Protein backbone atom coordinates (compact mmCIF):
# COMPACT_ATOMS: atom_id res chain seq x y z
CA MET A 1 137.16 36.04 -23.08
CA GLY A 2 137.19 33.32 -20.46
CA ILE A 3 136.37 29.63 -20.58
CA THR A 4 132.86 28.74 -21.79
CA LEU A 5 131.42 25.73 -19.97
CA ALA A 6 128.63 23.25 -20.61
CA LYS A 7 126.32 21.79 -17.96
CA GLY A 8 128.19 19.52 -15.56
CA GLN A 9 131.66 20.84 -16.37
CA LYS A 10 134.01 21.81 -13.57
CA VAL A 11 137.03 24.05 -13.83
CA ASP A 12 139.76 25.31 -11.52
CA LEU A 13 139.21 28.87 -10.44
CA THR A 14 142.16 29.78 -8.22
CA LYS A 15 144.70 27.22 -9.45
CA LYS A 16 144.60 28.63 -13.00
CA ASN A 17 144.42 32.19 -11.68
CA PRO A 18 147.03 32.46 -8.90
CA GLY A 19 146.38 35.32 -6.54
CA LEU A 20 142.69 35.51 -7.45
CA LYS A 21 140.92 36.98 -4.45
CA ASN A 22 137.84 38.98 -5.46
CA ILE A 23 135.35 37.65 -7.97
CA LEU A 24 132.18 39.12 -9.38
CA ILE A 25 129.41 36.68 -10.22
CA GLY A 26 127.19 38.13 -12.93
CA LEU A 27 123.85 36.54 -13.80
CA GLY A 28 121.72 37.56 -16.74
CA TRP A 29 118.57 36.55 -18.61
CA ASP A 30 115.88 37.66 -21.00
CA THR A 31 112.19 36.85 -20.90
CA ASN A 32 110.40 35.45 -23.91
CA LYS A 33 107.36 37.26 -25.24
CA TYR A 34 104.93 37.09 -22.34
CA ASP A 35 101.50 38.64 -21.99
CA GLY A 36 100.40 37.37 -18.58
CA GLY A 37 99.90 40.88 -17.22
CA TYR A 38 102.75 40.73 -14.69
CA ASP A 39 106.37 41.81 -14.75
CA PHE A 40 108.91 39.01 -14.73
CA ASP A 41 110.97 39.42 -11.54
CA LEU A 42 113.87 36.99 -11.25
CA ASP A 43 115.94 36.97 -8.08
CA THR A 44 119.46 35.70 -7.53
CA ALA A 45 120.75 34.35 -4.25
CA ALA A 46 123.82 32.67 -2.79
CA PHE A 47 123.76 29.86 -0.24
CA LEU A 48 126.94 29.36 1.79
CA VAL A 49 126.86 25.68 2.74
CA ASP A 50 128.91 23.28 4.84
CA SER A 51 130.07 19.73 4.06
CA ASN A 52 126.47 18.50 4.45
CA ASN A 53 125.34 20.91 1.70
CA LYS A 54 123.31 22.87 4.28
CA VAL A 55 123.57 26.40 5.65
CA THR A 56 124.64 26.59 9.28
CA ASN A 57 122.21 29.47 9.94
CA ASP A 58 119.82 31.75 8.06
CA GLY A 59 122.58 34.37 7.70
CA ASP A 60 124.29 32.02 5.21
CA PHE A 61 121.48 32.81 2.73
CA ILE A 62 122.39 35.97 0.79
CA PHE A 63 119.55 37.55 -1.21
CA TYR A 64 117.67 40.84 -1.70
CA ASN A 65 116.60 40.96 2.00
CA ASN A 66 120.02 39.94 3.37
CA LEU A 67 122.55 41.57 1.04
CA LYS A 68 125.80 40.84 2.89
CA HIS A 69 127.15 37.82 4.77
CA ASN A 70 128.31 38.65 8.30
CA SER A 71 131.87 37.66 7.30
CA GLY A 72 131.79 40.24 4.50
CA ALA A 73 132.81 37.48 2.07
CA VAL A 74 129.64 37.48 -0.05
CA GLU A 75 127.62 40.54 -1.04
CA HIS A 76 124.53 40.74 -3.25
CA LEU A 77 124.63 44.01 -5.22
CA GLY A 78 120.87 44.55 -5.37
CA ASP A 79 117.57 43.42 -6.83
CA ASN A 80 116.70 44.10 -10.47
CA ARG A 81 112.91 43.75 -10.61
CA THR A 82 112.50 43.82 -14.39
CA GLY A 83 115.57 42.24 -16.00
CA GLN A 84 115.56 45.03 -18.59
CA GLY A 85 118.71 46.12 -20.35
CA ASP A 86 121.85 44.41 -21.56
CA GLY A 87 124.56 42.73 -19.53
CA ASP A 88 124.26 41.26 -16.05
CA ASP A 89 120.84 41.59 -14.45
CA GLU A 90 122.10 40.91 -10.92
CA GLN A 91 125.57 40.55 -9.43
CA ILE A 92 127.16 39.00 -6.36
CA LEU A 93 130.66 39.82 -5.07
CA VAL A 94 132.76 37.13 -3.41
CA ASN A 95 136.01 37.65 -1.53
CA LEU A 96 137.42 34.11 -1.67
CA ALA A 97 139.95 34.71 1.13
CA SER A 98 137.18 35.83 3.51
CA VAL A 99 134.83 32.88 3.02
CA PRO A 100 134.61 31.18 6.45
CA GLN A 101 136.50 27.88 6.67
CA ASP A 102 133.34 25.93 7.56
CA VAL A 103 131.81 26.93 4.21
CA ASN A 104 132.62 24.29 1.59
CA LYS A 105 130.49 25.70 -1.25
CA VAL A 106 128.70 28.80 -2.37
CA ALA A 107 125.70 27.92 -4.56
CA PHE A 108 124.31 30.58 -6.91
CA THR A 109 120.60 30.37 -7.65
CA VAL A 110 117.85 32.16 -9.56
CA THR A 111 114.16 32.06 -8.68
CA ILE A 112 111.05 33.63 -10.16
CA HIS A 113 109.29 35.92 -7.69
CA GLU A 114 105.65 34.88 -7.14
CA ALA A 115 105.97 32.36 -10.00
CA LEU A 116 102.90 30.33 -9.04
CA GLU A 117 100.61 33.34 -8.63
CA ARG A 118 101.86 34.87 -11.88
CA ARG A 119 101.88 31.54 -13.77
CA GLN A 120 105.53 31.98 -14.75
CA ASN A 121 108.33 29.43 -15.12
CA PHE A 122 111.82 29.14 -16.58
CA GLY A 123 110.34 27.89 -19.87
CA GLN A 124 109.55 31.58 -20.44
CA VAL A 125 113.16 32.68 -19.83
CA SER A 126 115.93 32.66 -22.43
CA ASN A 127 119.58 33.64 -22.81
CA SER A 128 120.33 32.78 -19.17
CA TYR A 129 123.95 32.78 -18.09
CA ILE A 130 126.32 33.06 -15.19
CA ARG A 131 129.81 34.48 -15.52
CA VAL A 132 132.76 34.88 -13.20
CA LEU A 133 134.99 37.93 -13.45
CA ASN A 134 138.20 38.77 -11.68
CA LYS A 135 136.89 41.86 -9.86
CA ASP A 136 140.34 43.41 -9.61
CA THR A 137 141.10 43.24 -13.37
CA ASN A 138 137.53 43.05 -14.76
CA GLU A 139 138.64 40.01 -16.81
CA GLU A 140 135.93 37.43 -17.55
CA LEU A 141 137.25 34.06 -16.41
CA ILE A 142 134.28 31.71 -16.88
CA LYS A 143 130.90 31.81 -18.59
CA TYR A 144 128.15 29.21 -18.48
CA GLU A 145 125.07 29.67 -20.65
CA LEU A 146 122.23 27.53 -19.36
CA GLY A 147 120.64 26.96 -22.75
CA GLU A 148 118.31 24.28 -21.40
CA ASP A 149 114.63 24.65 -22.04
CA PHE A 150 113.12 24.39 -18.59
CA SER A 151 109.36 23.94 -18.70
CA ILE A 152 107.85 23.86 -15.21
CA GLU A 153 110.80 24.86 -13.03
CA THR A 154 110.55 28.05 -10.98
CA ALA A 155 114.03 27.90 -9.41
CA VAL A 156 117.47 26.94 -10.71
CA VAL A 157 120.74 26.22 -8.97
CA VAL A 158 122.84 27.73 -11.73
CA ALA A 159 126.36 26.99 -10.50
CA GLU A 160 128.56 26.72 -7.43
CA ILE A 161 132.07 27.45 -6.36
CA TYR A 162 133.60 24.94 -3.96
CA ARG A 163 136.82 24.20 -2.13
CA HIS A 164 138.96 21.30 -3.31
CA ASN A 165 142.46 20.62 -1.93
CA GLY A 166 142.86 24.21 -0.79
CA GLU A 167 141.77 25.68 -4.15
CA TRP A 168 138.43 27.02 -5.41
CA LYS A 169 136.67 25.36 -8.34
CA PHE A 170 133.59 26.29 -10.37
CA ASN A 171 130.85 23.78 -11.20
CA ALA A 172 128.24 24.51 -13.92
CA LEU A 173 125.06 22.89 -12.57
CA GLY A 174 121.85 24.14 -14.22
CA SER A 175 119.68 22.10 -11.85
CA GLY A 176 116.00 23.04 -11.90
CA PHE A 177 113.47 22.89 -9.07
CA GLU A 178 109.72 23.20 -8.84
CA GLY A 179 108.45 25.15 -5.85
CA GLY A 180 110.51 28.32 -6.27
CA LEU A 181 112.43 29.92 -3.45
CA GLU A 182 110.74 27.81 -0.78
CA ALA A 183 111.93 24.57 -2.40
CA LEU A 184 115.48 25.92 -2.70
CA CYS A 185 115.53 27.06 0.91
CA ARG A 186 114.36 23.64 2.13
CA ASN A 187 117.02 21.98 -0.05
CA PHE A 188 119.76 24.04 1.62
CA GLY A 189 118.40 23.65 5.19
CA ILE A 190 116.47 26.89 5.73
CA ASN A 191 113.06 26.64 7.36
CA ILE A 192 110.52 29.06 5.96
């Protein structure tokens, strides 16, 4: 069992785990009892951003329609459209050594697909978490359970990994947004 974090906590990733190269980011959630007539489709994404907290091009946005960064450093392992079952609902692989040098952070996000049309928000989602595993040993290094009761938010920046003095760190954010994927994309410099 790895380190369990609270919102706002930061922890060393590579300094405490020398030789760490490949990590698996697992994100999971459950939906509360919901009878709105639509499935609940949550989508994870990763934004590779520079020192200005912006992507340098649209290829730095990794999601279900762009599964792998051109550097090969970040790969989304596929879209789960229902969130059914136990364990991680969606996963993203990161090869820390391959992340381009102009990328300062990789932000991990979750949005609700067609949230406005379906009248869905993160107030209807529970047991949300992000965890970091050493892909090579399958050891869980970090877990952050959101736990917050979001009410109107349709997108969340769950956490980020970032470079600091040549090492990678993990930051538990849990920052909610209204406006879904479009609001997140604008925040990270993608024009939709």
